[in-house]
Amino acid sequence: MLKKVKVQELVNHMPDMFSIDDLVEKVILLQKIEQAKEQVKNGEVYTEEEMDQEINSWLQS
């Protein structure tokens, strides 16, 4: 979940005129970044070695 203050900061850094599509796009990106930070904090990430193994298994299939 996003905090209101993060969205307010986002809006404050946007130009005076913007489309709702631009705003929604940026809010979605912000939410994905915040979610990724939380996943990193919780150790819910793959190491580079694990990703190499995963990619190699895809290529062998």
PDB file of N, CA and C in Angstrom:
ATOM      1  N   MET A   1       0.846  -1.181   0.000  1.00  0.00           N
ATOM      2  CA  MET A   1       0.000   0.000   0.000  1.00  0.00           C
ATOM      3  C   MET A   1       0.884   1.234   0.000  1.00  0.00           C
ATOM      4  N   LEU A   2       0.384   2.262  -0.636  1.00  0.00           N
ATOM      5  CA  LEU A   2       1.102   3.527  -0.684  1.00  0.00           C
ATOM      6  C   LEU A   2       0.617   4.457   0.416  1.00  0.00           C
ATOM      7  N   LYS A   3       1.540   5.239   0.911  1.00  0.00           N
ATOM      8  CA  LYS A   3       1.154   6.272   1.863  1.00  0.00           C
ATOM      9  C   LYS A   3       0.729   7.510   1.084  1.00  0.00           C
ATOM     10  N   LYS A   4      -0.239   8.209   1.633  1.00  0.00           N
ATOM     11  CA  LYS A   4      -0.770   9.398   0.977  1.00  0.00           C
ATOM     12  C   LYS A   4       0.336  10.414   0.698  1.00  0.00           C
ATOM     13  N   VAL A   5       1.258  10.542   1.630  1.00  0.00           N
ATOM     14  CA  VAL A   5       2.327  11.524   1.476  1.00  0.00           C
ATOM     15  C   VAL A   5       3.191  11.215   0.249  1.00  0.00           C
ATOM     16  N   LYS A   6       3.402   9.935  -0.058  1.00  0.00           N
ATOM     17  CA  LYS A   6       4.183   9.558  -1.243  1.00  0.00           C
ATOM     18  C   LYS A   6       3.474   9.999  -2.522  1.00  0.00           C
ATOM     19  N   VAL A   7       2.168   9.809  -2.564  1.00  0.00           N
ATOM     20  CA  VAL A   7       1.397  10.211  -3.741  1.00  0.00           C
ATOM     21  C   VAL A   7       1.375  11.734  -3.852  1.00  0.00           C
ATOM     22  N   GLN A   8       1.262  12.415  -2.719  1.00  0.00           N
ATOM     23  CA  GLN A   8       1.282  13.876  -2.732  1.00  0.00           C
ATOM     24  C   GLN A   8       2.619  14.391  -3.256  1.00  0.00           C
ATOM     25  N   GLU A   9       3.718  13.771  -2.834  1.00  0.00           N
ATOM     26  CA  GLU A   9       5.041  14.159  -3.331  1.00  0.00           C
ATOM     27  C   GLU A   9       5.125  13.941  -4.832  1.00  0.00           C
ATOM     28  N   LEU A  10       4.577  12.832  -5.284  1.00  0.00           N
ATOM     29  CA  LEU A  10       4.571  12.527  -6.708  1.00  0.00           C
ATOM     30  C   LEU A  10       3.828  13.610  -7.486  1.00  0.00           C
ATOM     31  N   VAL A  11       2.646  13.960  -7.019  1.00  0.00           N
ATOM     32  CA  VAL A  11       1.842  14.986  -7.688  1.00  0.00           C
ATOM     33  C   VAL A  11       2.562  16.331  -7.651  1.00  0.00           C
ATOM     34  N   ASN A  12       3.198  16.647  -6.535  1.00  0.00           N
ATOM     35  CA  ASN A  12       3.910  17.923  -6.414  1.00  0.00           C
ATOM     36  C   ASN A  12       5.076  18.035  -7.391  1.00  0.00           C
ATOM     37  N   HIS A  13       5.645  16.917  -7.807  1.00  0.00           N
ATOM     38  CA  HIS A  13       6.769  16.939  -8.736  1.00  0.00           C
ATOM     39  C   HIS A  13       6.333  16.851 -10.200  1.00  0.00           C
ATOM     40  N   MET A  14       5.047  16.749 -10.433  1.00  0.00           N
ATOM     41  CA  MET A  14       4.549  16.687 -11.807  1.00  0.00           C
ATOM     42  C   MET A  14       4.335  18.103 -12.337  1.00  0.00           C
ATOM     43  N   PRO A  15       4.309  18.250 -13.658  1.00  0.00           N
ATOM     44  CA  PRO A  15       4.044  19.578 -14.232  1.00  0.00           C
ATOM     45  C   PRO A  15       2.646  20.075 -13.848  1.00  0.00           C
ATOM     46  N   ASP A  16       2.408  21.362 -14.056  1.00  0.00           N
ATOM     47  CA  ASP A  16       1.108  21.943 -13.710  1.00  0.00           C
ATOM     48  C   ASP A  16      -0.038  21.293 -14.484  1.00  0.00           C
ATOM     49  N   MET A  17       0.241  20.884 -15.688  1.00  0.00           N
ATOM     50  CA  MET A  17      -0.774  20.226 -16.517  1.00  0.00           C
ATOM     51  C   MET A  17      -0.297  18.808 -16.831  1.00  0.00           C
ATOM     52  N   PHE A  18      -1.144  17.821 -16.538  1.00  0.00           N
ATOM     53  CA  PHE A  18      -0.808  16.438 -16.860  1.00  0.00           C
ATOM     54  C   PHE A  18      -2.101  15.664 -17.046  1.00  0.00           C
ATOM     55  N   SER A  19      -1.991  14.561 -17.762  1.00  0.00           N
ATOM     56  CA  SER A  19      -3.180  13.737 -17.996  1.00  0.00           C
ATOM     57  C   SER A  19      -3.361  12.760 -16.841  1.00  0.00           C
ATOM     58  N   ILE A  20      -4.568  12.298 -16.673  1.00  0.00           N
ATOM     59  CA  ILE A  20      -4.848  11.305 -15.643  1.00  0.00           C
ATOM     60  C   ILE A  20      -4.085  10.018 -15.947  1.00  0.00           C
ATOM     61  N   ASP A  21      -3.882   9.730 -17.230  1.00  0.00           N
ATOM     62  CA  ASP A  21      -3.108   8.545 -17.612  1.00  0.00           C
ATOM     63  C   ASP A  21      -1.674   8.641 -17.107  1.00  0.00           C
ATOM     64  N   ASP A  22      -1.076   9.834 -17.234  1.00  0.00           N
ATOM     65  CA  ASP A  22       0.284  10.034 -16.725  1.00  0.00           C
ATOM     66  C   ASP A  22       0.336   9.818 -15.217  1.00  0.00           C
ATOM     67  N   LEU A  23      -0.642  10.344 -14.522  1.00  0.00           N
ATOM     68  CA  LEU A  23      -0.682  10.200 -13.068  1.00  0.00           C
ATOM     69  C   LEU A  23      -0.841   8.732 -12.665  1.00  0.00           C
ATOM     70  N   VAL A  24      -1.770   8.047 -13.293  1.00  0.00           N
ATOM     71  CA  VAL A  24      -2.007   6.638 -12.970  1.00  0.00           C
ATOM     72  C   VAL A  24      -0.750   5.817 -13.250  1.00  0.00           C
ATOM     73  N   GLU A  25      -0.105   6.092 -14.375  1.00  0.00           N
ATOM     74  CA  GLU A  25       1.121   5.384 -14.734  1.00  0.00           C
ATOM     75  C   GLU A  25       2.195   5.569 -13.657  1.00  0.00           C
ATOM     76  N   LYS A  26       2.364   6.796 -13.200  1.00  0.00           N
ATOM     77  CA  LYS A  26       3.375   7.086 -12.182  1.00  0.00           C
ATOM     78  C   LYS A  26       3.003   6.486 -10.827  1.00  0.00           C
ATOM     79  N   VAL A  27       1.733   6.492 -10.491  1.00  0.00           N
ATOM     80  CA  VAL A  27       1.299   5.895  -9.218  1.00  0.00           C
ATOM     81  C   VAL A  27       1.534   4.384  -9.247  1.00  0.00           C
ATOM     82  N   ILE A  28       1.241   3.752 -10.369  1.00  0.00           N
ATOM     83  CA  ILE A  28       1.482   2.311 -10.495  1.00  0.00           C
ATOM     84  C   ILE A  28       2.968   2.016 -10.364  1.00  0.00           C
ATOM     85  N   LEU A  29       3.807   2.810 -11.028  1.00  0.00           N
ATOM     86  CA  LEU A  29       5.251   2.619 -10.931  1.00  0.00           C
ATOM     87  C   LEU A  29       5.722   2.799  -9.490  1.00  0.00           C
ATOM     88  N   LEU A  30       5.245   3.839  -8.833  1.00  0.00           N
ATOM     89  CA  LEU A  30       5.607   4.089  -7.439  1.00  0.00           C
ATOM     90  C   LEU A  30       5.198   2.915  -6.556  1.00  0.00           C
ATOM     91  N   GLN A  31       4.010   2.389  -6.772  1.00  0.00           N
ATOM     92  CA  GLN A  31       3.527   1.263  -5.974  1.00  0.00           C
ATOM     93  C   GLN A  31       4.392   0.025  -6.204  1.00  0.00           C
ATOM     94  N   LYS A  32       4.799  -0.204  -7.447  1.00  0.00           N
ATOM     95  CA  LYS A  32       5.648  -1.355  -7.752  1.00  0.00           C
ATOM     96  C   LYS A  32       7.020  -1.208  -7.102  1.00  0.00           C
ATOM     97  N   ILE A  33       7.549   0.005  -7.089  1.00  0.00           N
ATOM     98  CA  ILE A  33       8.841   0.254  -6.443  1.00  0.00           C
ATOM     99  C   ILE A  33       8.733   0.015  -4.946  1.00  0.00           C
ATOM    100  N   GLU A  34       7.684   0.530  -4.329  1.00  0.00           N
ATOM    101  CA  GLU A  34       7.486   0.334  -2.888  1.00  0.00           C
ATOM    102  C   GLU A  34       7.317  -1.151  -2.562  1.00  0.00           C
ATOM    103  N   GLN A  35       6.596  -1.868  -3.405  1.00  0.00           N
ATOM    104  CA  GLN A  35       6.406  -3.304  -3.202  1.00  0.00           C
ATOM    105  C   GLN A  35       7.743  -4.036  -3.318  1.00  0.00           C
ATOM    106  N   ALA A  36       8.557  -3.655  -4.288  1.00  0.00           N
ATOM    107  CA  ALA A  36       9.867  -4.286  -4.464  1.00  0.00           C
ATOM    108  C   ALA A  36      10.764  -4.017  -3.262  1.00  0.00           C
ATOM    109  N   LYS A  37      10.721  -2.802  -2.737  1.00  0.00           N
ATOM    110  CA  LYS A  37      11.512  -2.479  -1.545  1.00  0.00           C
ATOM    111  C   LYS A  37      11.099  -3.365  -0.373  1.00  0.00           C
ATOM    112  N   GLU A  38       9.814  -3.574  -0.232  1.00  0.00           N
ATOM    113  CA  GLU A  38       9.299  -4.417   0.852  1.00  0.00           C
ATOM    114  C   GLU A  38       9.748  -5.870   0.659  1.00  0.00           C
ATOM    115  N   GLN A  39       9.728  -6.339  -0.583  1.00  0.00           N
ATOM    116  CA  GLN A  39      10.176  -7.700  -0.863  1.00  0.00           C
ATOM    117  C   GLN A  39      11.657  -7.866  -0.541  1.00  0.00           C
ATOM    118  N   VAL A  40      12.465  -6.879  -0.881  1.00  0.00           N
ATOM    119  CA  VAL A  40      13.891  -6.927  -0.561  1.00  0.00           C
ATOM    120  C   VAL A  40      14.073  -6.953   0.949  1.00  0.00           C
ATOM    121  N   LYS A  41      13.336  -6.099   1.636  1.00  0.00           N
ATOM    122  CA  LYS A  41      13.410  -6.032   3.100  1.00  0.00           C
ATOM    123  C   LYS A  41      13.071  -7.379   3.733  1.00  0.00           C
ATOM    124  N   ASN A  42      12.118  -8.099   3.147  1.00  0.00           N
ATOM    125  CA  ASN A  42      11.679  -9.392   3.676  1.00  0.00           C
ATOM    126  C   ASN A  42      12.487 -10.571   3.133  1.00  0.00           C
ATOM    127  N   GLY A  43      13.496 -10.280   2.325  1.00  0.00           N
ATOM    128  CA  GLY A  43      14.324 -11.349   1.766  1.00  0.00           C
ATOM    129  C   GLY A  43      13.643 -12.147   0.681  1.00  0.00           C
ATOM    130  N   GLU A  44      12.628 -11.587   0.064  1.00  0.00           N
ATOM    131  CA  GLU A  44      11.865 -12.279  -0.979  1.00  0.00           C
ATOM    132  C   GLU A  44      12.441 -11.968  -2.357  1.00  0.00           C
ATOM    133  N   VAL A  45      13.737 -12.225  -2.508  1.00  0.00           N
ATOM    134  CA  VAL A  45      14.418 -11.931  -3.768  1.00  0.00           C
ATOM    135  C   VAL A  45      15.283 -13.121  -4.165  1.00  0.00           C
ATOM    136  N   TYR A  46      15.633 -13.176  -5.439  1.00  0.00           N
ATOM    137  CA  TYR A  46      16.542 -14.189  -5.944  1.00  0.00           C
ATOM    138  C   TYR A  46      17.941 -13.593  -6.028  1.00  0.00           C
ATOM    139  N   THR A  47      18.939 -14.402  -5.725  1.00  0.00           N
ATOM    140  CA  THR A  47      20.313 -13.967  -5.941  1.00  0.00           C
ATOM    141  C   THR A  47      20.605 -14.049  -7.431  1.00  0.00           C
ATOM    142  N   GLU A  48      21.705 -13.442  -7.843  1.00  0.00           N
ATOM    143  CA  GLU A  48      22.083 -13.506  -9.248  1.00  0.00           C
ATOM    144  C   GLU A  48      22.337 -14.956  -9.660  1.00  0.00           C
ATOM    145  N   GLU A  49      22.957 -15.716  -8.775  1.00  0.00           N
ATOM    146  CA  GLU A  49      23.226 -17.132  -9.062  1.00  0.00           C
ATOM    147  C   GLU A  49      21.922 -17.914  -9.239  1.00  0.00           C
ATOM    148  N   GLU A  50      20.949 -17.669  -8.374  1.00  0.00           N
ATOM    149  CA  GLU A  50      19.653 -18.349  -8.493  1.00  0.00           C
ATOM    150  C   GLU A  50      18.969 -17.996  -9.809  1.00  0.00           C
ATOM    151  N   MET A  51      19.070 -16.732 -10.208  1.00  0.00           N
ATOM    152  CA  MET A  51      18.457 -16.317 -11.475  1.00  0.00           C
ATOM    153  C   MET A  51      19.164 -16.956 -12.659  1.00  0.00           C
ATOM    154  N   ASP A  52      20.506 -17.043 -12.593  1.00  0.00           N
ATOM    155  CA  ASP A  52      21.242 -17.714 -13.668  1.00  0.00           C
ATOM    156  C   ASP A  52      20.779 -19.156 -13.816  1.00  0.00           C
ATOM    157  N   GLN A  53      20.611 -19.851 -12.697  1.00  0.00           N
ATOM    158  CA  GLN A  53      20.146 -21.238 -12.733  1.00  0.00           C
ATOM    159  C   GLN A  53      18.733 -21.322 -13.312  1.00  0.00           C
ATOM    160  N   GLU A  54      17.880 -20.404 -12.918  1.00  0.00           N
ATOM    161  CA  GLU A  54      16.496 -20.396 -13.413  1.00  0.00           C
ATOM    162  C   GLU A  54      16.463 -20.159 -14.922  1.00  0.00           C
ATOM    163  N   ILE A  55      17.234 -19.188 -15.374  1.00  0.00           N
ATOM    164  CA  ILE A  55      17.272 -18.875 -16.811  1.00  0.00           C
ATOM    165  C   ILE A  55      17.831 -20.057 -17.594  1.00  0.00           C
ATOM    166  N   ASN A  56      18.879 -20.671 -17.073  1.00  0.00           N
ATOM    167  CA  ASN A  56      19.447 -21.846 -17.750  1.00  0.00           C
ATOM    168  C   ASN A  56      18.432 -22.976 -17.850  1.00  0.00           C
ATOM    169  N   SER A  57      17.624 -23.157 -16.815  1.00  0.00           N
ATOM    170  CA  SER A  57      16.603 -24.214 -16.872  1.00  0.00           C
ATOM    171  C   SER A  57      15.544 -23.883 -17.923  1.00  0.00           C
ATOM    172  N   TRP A  58      15.230 -22.599 -18.108  1.00  0.00           N
ATOM    173  CA  TRP A  58      14.268 -22.205 -19.142  1.00  0.00           C
ATOM    174  C   TRP A  58      14.833 -22.502 -20.530  1.00  0.00           C
ATOM    175  N   LEU A  59      16.121 -22.191 -20.696  1.00  0.00           N
ATOM    176  CA  LEU A  59      16.742 -22.354 -22.008  1.00  0.00           C
ATOM    177  C   LEU A  59      16.908 -23.822 -22.384  1.00  0.00           C
ATOM    178  N   GLN A  60      17.020 -24.695 -21.390  1.00  0.00           N
ATOM    179  CA  GLN A  60      17.181 -26.119 -21.652  1.00  0.00           C
ATOM    180  C   GLN A  60      15.852 -26.792 -21.973  1.00  0.00           C
ATOM    181  N   SER A  61      14.771 -26.160 -21.649  1.00  0.00           N
ATOM    182  CA  SER A  61      13.443 -26.758 -21.881  1.00  0.00           C
ATOM    183  C   SER A  61      13.049 -26.705 -23.329  1.00  0.00           C
TER     184      SER A  61
END
